[in-house]
Amino acid sequence: MTTVSPSPTDDLLTVEALAVDGSARLVLTGEVDCSTAPRLRRALEEAFAGQPREVVVDLEAVTFLDSAGLSTLAIAHRTAAGQGARLRVLVGTRAVARALQVTGLWDLLAVEQVESGAGAA
């Protein structure tokens, strides 16, 4: 595993970007809201710029996801489809799962519910 681009950390969100054998993995910790969604958007743009066959967005350690984060994930879905890449979204908390479910994005994104620690592989 090689780190593609370490992102700056703040009190609200950290994004770790990893590249492994033609796949990109973004591991998020914290809150994705209107102030932090642009960081996620930039990380996704960088990941897709490498033309990966798969992008994994690991939200296991995300505790809050608002409409800005949901929109960013919907855009990532469209980008992945346009590039013929697979987008995987991993969720570990009820709050994040619920936001995705009530908006209909759970099914669109084929979100995967993971047990705590399972998404870190």
N, C-alpha and C. Protein backbone atom coordinates (compact mmCIF):
# COMPACT_ATOMS: atom_id res chain seq x y z
N MET A 1 0.82 -1.17 0.00
CA MET A 1 0.00 0.00 0.00
C MET A 1 0.88 1.24 0.00
N THR A 2 0.58 2.16 -0.89
CA THR A 2 1.31 3.41 -0.92
C THR A 2 0.35 4.56 -0.74
N THR A 3 0.76 5.53 0.04
CA THR A 3 -0.07 6.70 0.23
C THR A 3 0.03 7.59 -0.98
N VAL A 4 -1.12 7.95 -1.55
CA VAL A 4 -1.15 8.81 -2.72
C VAL A 4 -0.95 10.25 -2.31
N SER A 5 -1.79 10.72 -1.42
CA SER A 5 -1.68 12.11 -0.99
C SER A 5 -2.24 12.26 0.41
N PRO A 6 -1.38 12.51 1.37
CA PRO A 6 -1.92 12.75 2.70
C PRO A 6 -2.66 14.07 2.72
N SER A 7 -3.82 14.07 3.31
CA SER A 7 -4.61 15.29 3.38
C SER A 7 -4.39 15.96 4.72
N PRO A 8 -4.50 17.28 4.73
CA PRO A 8 -4.34 17.96 6.01
C PRO A 8 -5.45 17.53 6.95
N THR A 9 -5.16 17.54 8.22
CA THR A 9 -6.16 17.16 9.20
C THR A 9 -6.69 18.41 9.88
N ASP A 10 -7.90 18.33 10.33
CA ASP A 10 -8.46 19.37 11.18
C ASP A 10 -9.35 18.67 12.19
N ASP A 11 -10.07 19.42 12.94
CA ASP A 11 -10.90 18.82 13.99
C ASP A 11 -12.11 18.09 13.43
N LEU A 12 -12.51 18.37 12.20
CA LEU A 12 -13.75 17.80 11.69
C LEU A 12 -13.58 16.58 10.79
N LEU A 13 -12.58 16.56 9.93
CA LEU A 13 -12.46 15.48 8.96
C LEU A 13 -11.01 15.23 8.59
N THR A 14 -10.66 13.95 8.51
CA THR A 14 -9.39 13.56 7.91
C THR A 14 -9.69 12.63 6.75
N VAL A 15 -8.90 12.75 5.70
CA VAL A 15 -9.05 11.91 4.52
C VAL A 15 -7.67 11.33 4.22
N GLU A 16 -7.59 10.01 4.23
CA GLU A 16 -6.35 9.34 3.86
C GLU A 16 -6.59 8.69 2.51
N ALA A 17 -5.75 9.03 1.54
CA ALA A 17 -5.88 8.47 0.19
C ALA A 17 -4.78 7.46 -0.05
N LEU A 18 -5.18 6.26 -0.47
CA LEU A 18 -4.24 5.17 -0.72
C LEU A 18 -4.45 4.64 -2.12
N ALA A 19 -3.38 4.18 -2.75
CA ALA A 19 -3.48 3.54 -4.06
C ALA A 19 -2.91 2.14 -3.94
N VAL A 20 -3.67 1.16 -4.42
CA VAL A 20 -3.24 -0.24 -4.35
C VAL A 20 -3.65 -0.93 -5.64
N ASP A 21 -2.68 -1.36 -6.43
CA ASP A 21 -2.93 -2.18 -7.63
C ASP A 21 -4.09 -1.69 -8.49
N GLY A 22 -4.05 -0.46 -8.93
CA GLY A 22 -5.08 0.06 -9.82
C GLY A 22 -6.37 0.47 -9.14
N SER A 23 -6.39 0.44 -7.82
CA SER A 23 -7.56 0.87 -7.06
C SER A 23 -7.16 2.04 -6.17
N ALA A 24 -8.15 2.87 -5.88
CA ALA A 24 -7.93 3.98 -4.96
C ALA A 24 -8.84 3.77 -3.76
N ARG A 25 -8.33 4.10 -2.59
CA ARG A 25 -9.12 3.96 -1.37
C ARG A 25 -9.01 5.25 -0.58
N LEU A 26 -10.17 5.80 -0.22
CA LEU A 26 -10.23 6.99 0.62
C LEU A 26 -10.81 6.57 1.96
N VAL A 27 -10.06 6.80 3.01
CA VAL A 27 -10.50 6.45 4.36
C VAL A 27 -10.78 7.75 5.09
N LEU A 28 -12.04 7.95 5.45
CA LEU A 28 -12.48 9.18 6.10
C LEU A 28 -12.74 8.95 7.57
N THR A 29 -12.41 9.97 8.36
CA THR A 29 -12.68 9.95 9.79
C THR A 29 -13.23 11.31 10.18
N GLY A 30 -14.38 11.32 10.84
CA GLY A 30 -14.94 12.57 11.31
C GLY A 30 -16.29 12.87 10.71
N GLU A 31 -16.50 14.13 10.34
CA GLU A 31 -17.79 14.61 9.84
C GLU A 31 -17.65 15.11 8.41
N VAL A 32 -18.63 14.76 7.57
CA VAL A 32 -18.68 15.27 6.21
C VAL A 32 -19.89 16.19 6.14
N ASP A 33 -19.63 17.49 6.07
CA ASP A 33 -20.69 18.49 6.01
C ASP A 33 -20.30 19.56 5.01
N CYS A 34 -21.04 20.66 5.00
CA CYS A 34 -20.78 21.69 3.98
C CYS A 34 -19.38 22.29 4.08
N SER A 35 -18.77 22.24 5.25
CA SER A 35 -17.42 22.80 5.37
C SER A 35 -16.33 21.79 5.02
N THR A 36 -16.61 20.50 5.10
CA THR A 36 -15.59 19.49 4.83
C THR A 36 -15.81 18.72 3.53
N ALA A 37 -17.02 18.78 2.96
CA ALA A 37 -17.29 18.07 1.71
C ALA A 37 -16.34 18.48 0.58
N PRO A 38 -15.92 19.74 0.49
CA PRO A 38 -14.96 20.09 -0.57
C PRO A 38 -13.65 19.28 -0.47
N ARG A 39 -13.23 18.93 0.73
CA ARG A 39 -12.02 18.11 0.89
C ARG A 39 -12.27 16.72 0.31
N LEU A 40 -13.44 16.16 0.59
CA LEU A 40 -13.79 14.86 0.02
C LEU A 40 -13.89 14.95 -1.50
N ARG A 41 -14.49 16.01 -2.00
CA ARG A 41 -14.61 16.19 -3.45
C ARG A 41 -13.24 16.24 -4.12
N ARG A 42 -12.30 16.99 -3.55
CA ARG A 42 -10.95 17.07 -4.11
C ARG A 42 -10.26 15.71 -4.08
N ALA A 43 -10.41 14.99 -2.98
CA ALA A 43 -9.79 13.66 -2.87
C ALA A 43 -10.37 12.71 -3.91
N LEU A 44 -11.67 12.78 -4.13
CA LEU A 44 -12.30 11.94 -5.16
C LEU A 44 -11.82 12.32 -6.56
N GLU A 45 -11.72 13.62 -6.82
CA GLU A 45 -11.24 14.07 -8.13
C GLU A 45 -9.82 13.55 -8.38
N GLU A 46 -8.96 13.63 -7.36
CA GLU A 46 -7.59 13.12 -7.49
C GLU A 46 -7.59 11.61 -7.72
N ALA A 47 -8.45 10.91 -7.00
CA ALA A 47 -8.52 9.45 -7.15
C ALA A 47 -8.96 9.08 -8.56
N PHE A 48 -10.00 9.72 -9.06
CA PHE A 48 -10.50 9.40 -10.40
C PHE A 48 -9.55 9.85 -11.50
N ALA A 49 -8.72 10.86 -11.23
CA ALA A 49 -7.75 11.32 -12.22
C ALA A 49 -6.75 10.23 -12.57
N GLY A 50 -6.52 9.31 -11.65
CA GLY A 50 -5.61 8.20 -11.90
C GLY A 50 -6.23 7.07 -12.70
N GLN A 51 -7.48 7.24 -13.15
CA GLN A 51 -8.19 6.22 -13.93
C GLN A 51 -8.18 4.84 -13.27
N PRO A 52 -8.55 4.77 -11.99
CA PRO A 52 -8.56 3.47 -11.31
C PRO A 52 -9.71 2.60 -11.80
N ARG A 53 -9.57 1.31 -11.60
CA ARG A 53 -10.68 0.41 -11.95
C ARG A 53 -11.71 0.39 -10.83
N GLU A 54 -11.28 0.81 -9.61
CA GLU A 54 -12.18 0.83 -8.46
C GLU A 54 -11.78 1.96 -7.52
N VAL A 55 -12.79 2.63 -6.96
CA VAL A 55 -12.57 3.63 -5.92
C VAL A 55 -13.41 3.20 -4.72
N VAL A 56 -12.76 3.04 -3.59
CA VAL A 56 -13.44 2.67 -2.35
C VAL A 56 -13.49 3.90 -1.46
N VAL A 57 -14.69 4.27 -1.02
CA VAL A 57 -14.86 5.37 -0.08
C VAL A 57 -15.27 4.74 1.25
N ASP A 58 -14.34 4.73 2.18
CA ASP A 58 -14.54 4.09 3.48
C ASP A 58 -15.04 5.13 4.47
N LEU A 59 -16.35 5.06 4.76
CA LEU A 59 -16.98 5.99 5.70
C LEU A 59 -17.19 5.36 7.07
N GLU A 60 -16.50 4.27 7.32
CA GLU A 60 -16.70 3.52 8.57
C GLU A 60 -16.54 4.40 9.80
N ALA A 61 -15.60 5.32 9.79
CA ALA A 61 -15.34 6.18 10.95
C ALA A 61 -15.96 7.57 10.81
N VAL A 62 -16.90 7.72 9.88
CA VAL A 62 -17.60 8.99 9.72
C VAL A 62 -18.81 8.98 10.65
N THR A 63 -18.96 10.05 11.42
CA THR A 63 -20.04 10.13 12.40
C THR A 63 -21.19 11.01 11.96
N PHE A 64 -21.01 11.79 10.90
CA PHE A 64 -22.06 12.70 10.42
C PHE A 64 -21.89 12.90 8.93
N LEU A 65 -22.99 12.85 8.20
CA LEU A 65 -22.99 13.03 6.75
C LEU A 65 -24.20 13.86 6.39
N ASP A 66 -23.97 15.07 5.86
CA ASP A 66 -25.11 15.92 5.49
C ASP A 66 -25.30 15.96 3.98
N SER A 67 -26.17 16.84 3.51
CA SER A 67 -26.52 16.89 2.09
C SER A 67 -25.32 17.21 1.19
N ALA A 68 -24.37 17.98 1.69
CA ALA A 68 -23.17 18.27 0.88
C ALA A 68 -22.35 17.01 0.66
N GLY A 69 -22.22 16.19 1.68
CA GLY A 69 -21.52 14.92 1.54
C GLY A 69 -22.28 13.94 0.65
N LEU A 70 -23.59 13.90 0.81
CA LEU A 70 -24.43 13.04 -0.02
C LEU A 70 -24.31 13.42 -1.49
N SER A 71 -24.32 14.71 -1.76
CA SER A 71 -24.17 15.21 -3.13
C SER A 71 -22.82 14.82 -3.71
N THR A 72 -21.79 14.93 -2.90
CA THR A 72 -20.44 14.58 -3.34
C THR A 72 -20.36 13.10 -3.71
N LEU A 73 -21.02 12.25 -2.93
CA LEU A 73 -21.03 10.82 -3.24
C LEU A 73 -21.83 10.53 -4.51
N ALA A 74 -22.92 11.26 -4.73
CA ALA A 74 -23.71 11.08 -5.95
C ALA A 74 -22.89 11.48 -7.18
N ILE A 75 -22.14 12.55 -7.08
CA ILE A 75 -21.27 12.98 -8.17
C ILE A 75 -20.19 11.94 -8.43
N ALA A 76 -19.64 11.36 -7.37
CA ALA A 76 -18.63 10.31 -7.52
C ALA A 76 -19.22 9.10 -8.24
N HIS A 77 -20.46 8.78 -7.94
CA HIS A 77 -21.14 7.67 -8.61
C HIS A 77 -21.22 7.93 -10.12
N ARG A 78 -21.61 9.14 -10.47
CA ARG A 78 -21.72 9.52 -11.88
C ARG A 78 -20.35 9.50 -12.56
N THR A 79 -19.33 9.98 -11.87
CA THR A 79 -17.97 9.98 -12.41
C THR A 79 -17.48 8.56 -12.64
N ALA A 80 -17.70 7.69 -11.67
CA ALA A 80 -17.28 6.29 -11.79
C ALA A 80 -17.97 5.64 -12.98
N ALA A 81 -19.26 5.85 -13.12
CA ALA A 81 -20.01 5.26 -14.24
C ALA A 81 -19.47 5.78 -15.56
N GLY A 82 -19.14 7.05 -15.63
CA GLY A 82 -18.60 7.64 -16.86
C GLY A 82 -17.24 7.11 -17.23
N GLN A 83 -16.48 6.67 -16.23
CA GLN A 83 -15.13 6.14 -16.48
C GLN A 83 -15.10 4.62 -16.55
N GLY A 84 -16.24 4.00 -16.32
CA GLY A 84 -16.26 2.54 -16.30
C GLY A 84 -15.57 1.95 -15.08
N ALA A 85 -15.53 2.72 -14.01
CA ALA A 85 -14.91 2.27 -12.77
C ALA A 85 -15.99 1.84 -11.79
N ARG A 86 -15.60 1.08 -10.81
CA ARG A 86 -16.51 0.65 -9.77
C ARG A 86 -16.33 1.57 -8.57
N LEU A 87 -17.43 2.05 -8.01
CA LEU A 87 -17.40 2.84 -6.78
C LEU A 87 -17.97 1.98 -5.66
N ARG A 88 -17.21 1.83 -4.60
CA ARG A 88 -17.68 1.12 -3.41
C ARG A 88 -17.73 2.11 -2.25
N VAL A 89 -18.86 2.10 -1.56
CA VAL A 89 -19.03 2.96 -0.39
C VAL A 89 -19.27 2.04 0.81
N LEU A 90 -18.40 2.17 1.81
CA LEU A 90 -18.48 1.35 3.01
C LEU A 90 -18.95 2.21 4.17
N VAL A 91 -19.94 1.72 4.92
CA VAL A 91 -20.53 2.47 6.01
C VAL A 91 -20.49 1.63 7.28
N GLY A 92 -20.18 2.27 8.41
CA GLY A 92 -20.11 1.55 9.66
C GLY A 92 -20.97 2.11 10.77
N THR A 93 -21.57 3.29 10.56
CA THR A 93 -22.38 3.89 11.62
C THR A 93 -23.83 4.04 11.19
N ARG A 94 -24.71 3.94 12.16
CA ARG A 94 -26.15 4.06 11.88
C ARG A 94 -26.51 5.44 11.33
N ALA A 95 -25.91 6.48 11.87
CA ALA A 95 -26.24 7.84 11.44
C ALA A 95 -25.95 8.03 9.96
N VAL A 96 -24.81 7.55 9.50
CA VAL A 96 -24.44 7.69 8.09
C VAL A 96 -25.31 6.77 7.23
N ALA A 97 -25.55 5.56 7.71
CA ALA A 97 -26.40 4.63 6.97
C ALA A 97 -27.79 5.22 6.79
N ARG A 98 -28.33 5.80 7.82
CA ARG A 98 -29.68 6.37 7.76
C ARG A 98 -29.76 7.50 6.74
N ALA A 99 -28.77 8.38 6.72
CA ALA A 99 -28.77 9.49 5.76
C ALA A 99 -28.78 8.96 4.32
N LEU A 100 -28.03 7.92 4.07
CA LEU A 100 -27.98 7.32 2.73
C LEU A 100 -29.29 6.60 2.40
N GLN A 101 -29.91 5.98 3.39
CA GLN A 101 -31.15 5.25 3.16
C GLN A 101 -32.31 6.18 2.86
N VAL A 102 -32.49 7.21 3.64
CA VAL A 102 -33.66 8.09 3.47
C VAL A 102 -33.60 8.89 2.18
N THR A 103 -32.41 9.08 1.63
CA THR A 103 -32.27 9.83 0.38
C THR A 103 -32.33 8.93 -0.85
N GLY A 104 -32.32 7.62 -0.65
CA GLY A 104 -32.32 6.69 -1.77
C GLY A 104 -30.94 6.40 -2.31
N LEU A 105 -29.92 7.02 -1.76
CA LEU A 105 -28.56 6.79 -2.25
C LEU A 105 -28.01 5.43 -1.82
N TRP A 106 -28.58 4.86 -0.77
CA TRP A 106 -28.12 3.54 -0.30
C TRP A 106 -28.17 2.54 -1.44
N ASP A 107 -29.31 2.47 -2.12
CA ASP A 107 -29.47 1.53 -3.23
C ASP A 107 -28.69 1.96 -4.47
N LEU A 108 -28.74 3.24 -4.81
CA LEU A 108 -28.04 3.74 -5.99
C LEU A 108 -26.54 3.46 -5.90
N LEU A 109 -25.97 3.69 -4.74
CA LEU A 109 -24.53 3.50 -4.54
C LEU A 109 -24.16 2.07 -4.16
N ALA A 110 -25.16 1.22 -3.95
CA ALA A 110 -24.93 -0.16 -3.49
C ALA A 110 -24.00 -0.15 -2.27
N VAL A 111 -24.40 0.64 -1.29
CA VAL A 111 -23.60 0.81 -0.08
C VAL A 111 -23.44 -0.52 0.64
N GLU A 112 -22.26 -0.71 1.21
CA GLU A 112 -21.96 -1.92 1.97
C GLU A 112 -21.84 -1.57 3.45
N GLN A 113 -22.66 -2.20 4.27
CA GLN A 113 -22.57 -2.04 5.72
C GLN A 113 -21.44 -2.92 6.21
N VAL A 114 -20.52 -2.36 6.98
CA VAL A 114 -19.38 -3.13 7.50
C VAL A 114 -19.38 -3.09 9.01
N GLU A 115 -18.82 -4.14 9.57
CA GLU A 115 -18.65 -4.19 11.02
C GLU A 115 -17.45 -3.32 11.38
N SER A 116 -17.42 -2.82 12.56
CA SER A 116 -16.32 -1.98 13.01
C SER A 116 -14.99 -2.69 12.80
N GLY A 117 -14.08 -2.02 12.09
CA GLY A 117 -12.76 -2.57 11.82
C GLY A 117 -12.67 -3.40 10.55
N ALA A 118 -13.82 -3.79 9.97
CA ALA A 118 -13.80 -4.66 8.79
C ALA A 118 -13.37 -3.93 7.52
N GLY A 119 -13.64 -2.63 7.43
CA GLY A 119 -13.29 -1.87 6.24
C GLY A 119 -11.83 -1.49 6.14
N ALA A 120 -11.06 -1.77 7.17
CA ALA A 120 -9.67 -1.35 7.20
C ALA A 120 -8.74 -2.29 6.44
N ALA A 121 -9.27 -3.36 5.89
CA ALA A 121 -8.41 -4.32 5.18
C ALA A 121 -7.84 -3.76 3.92
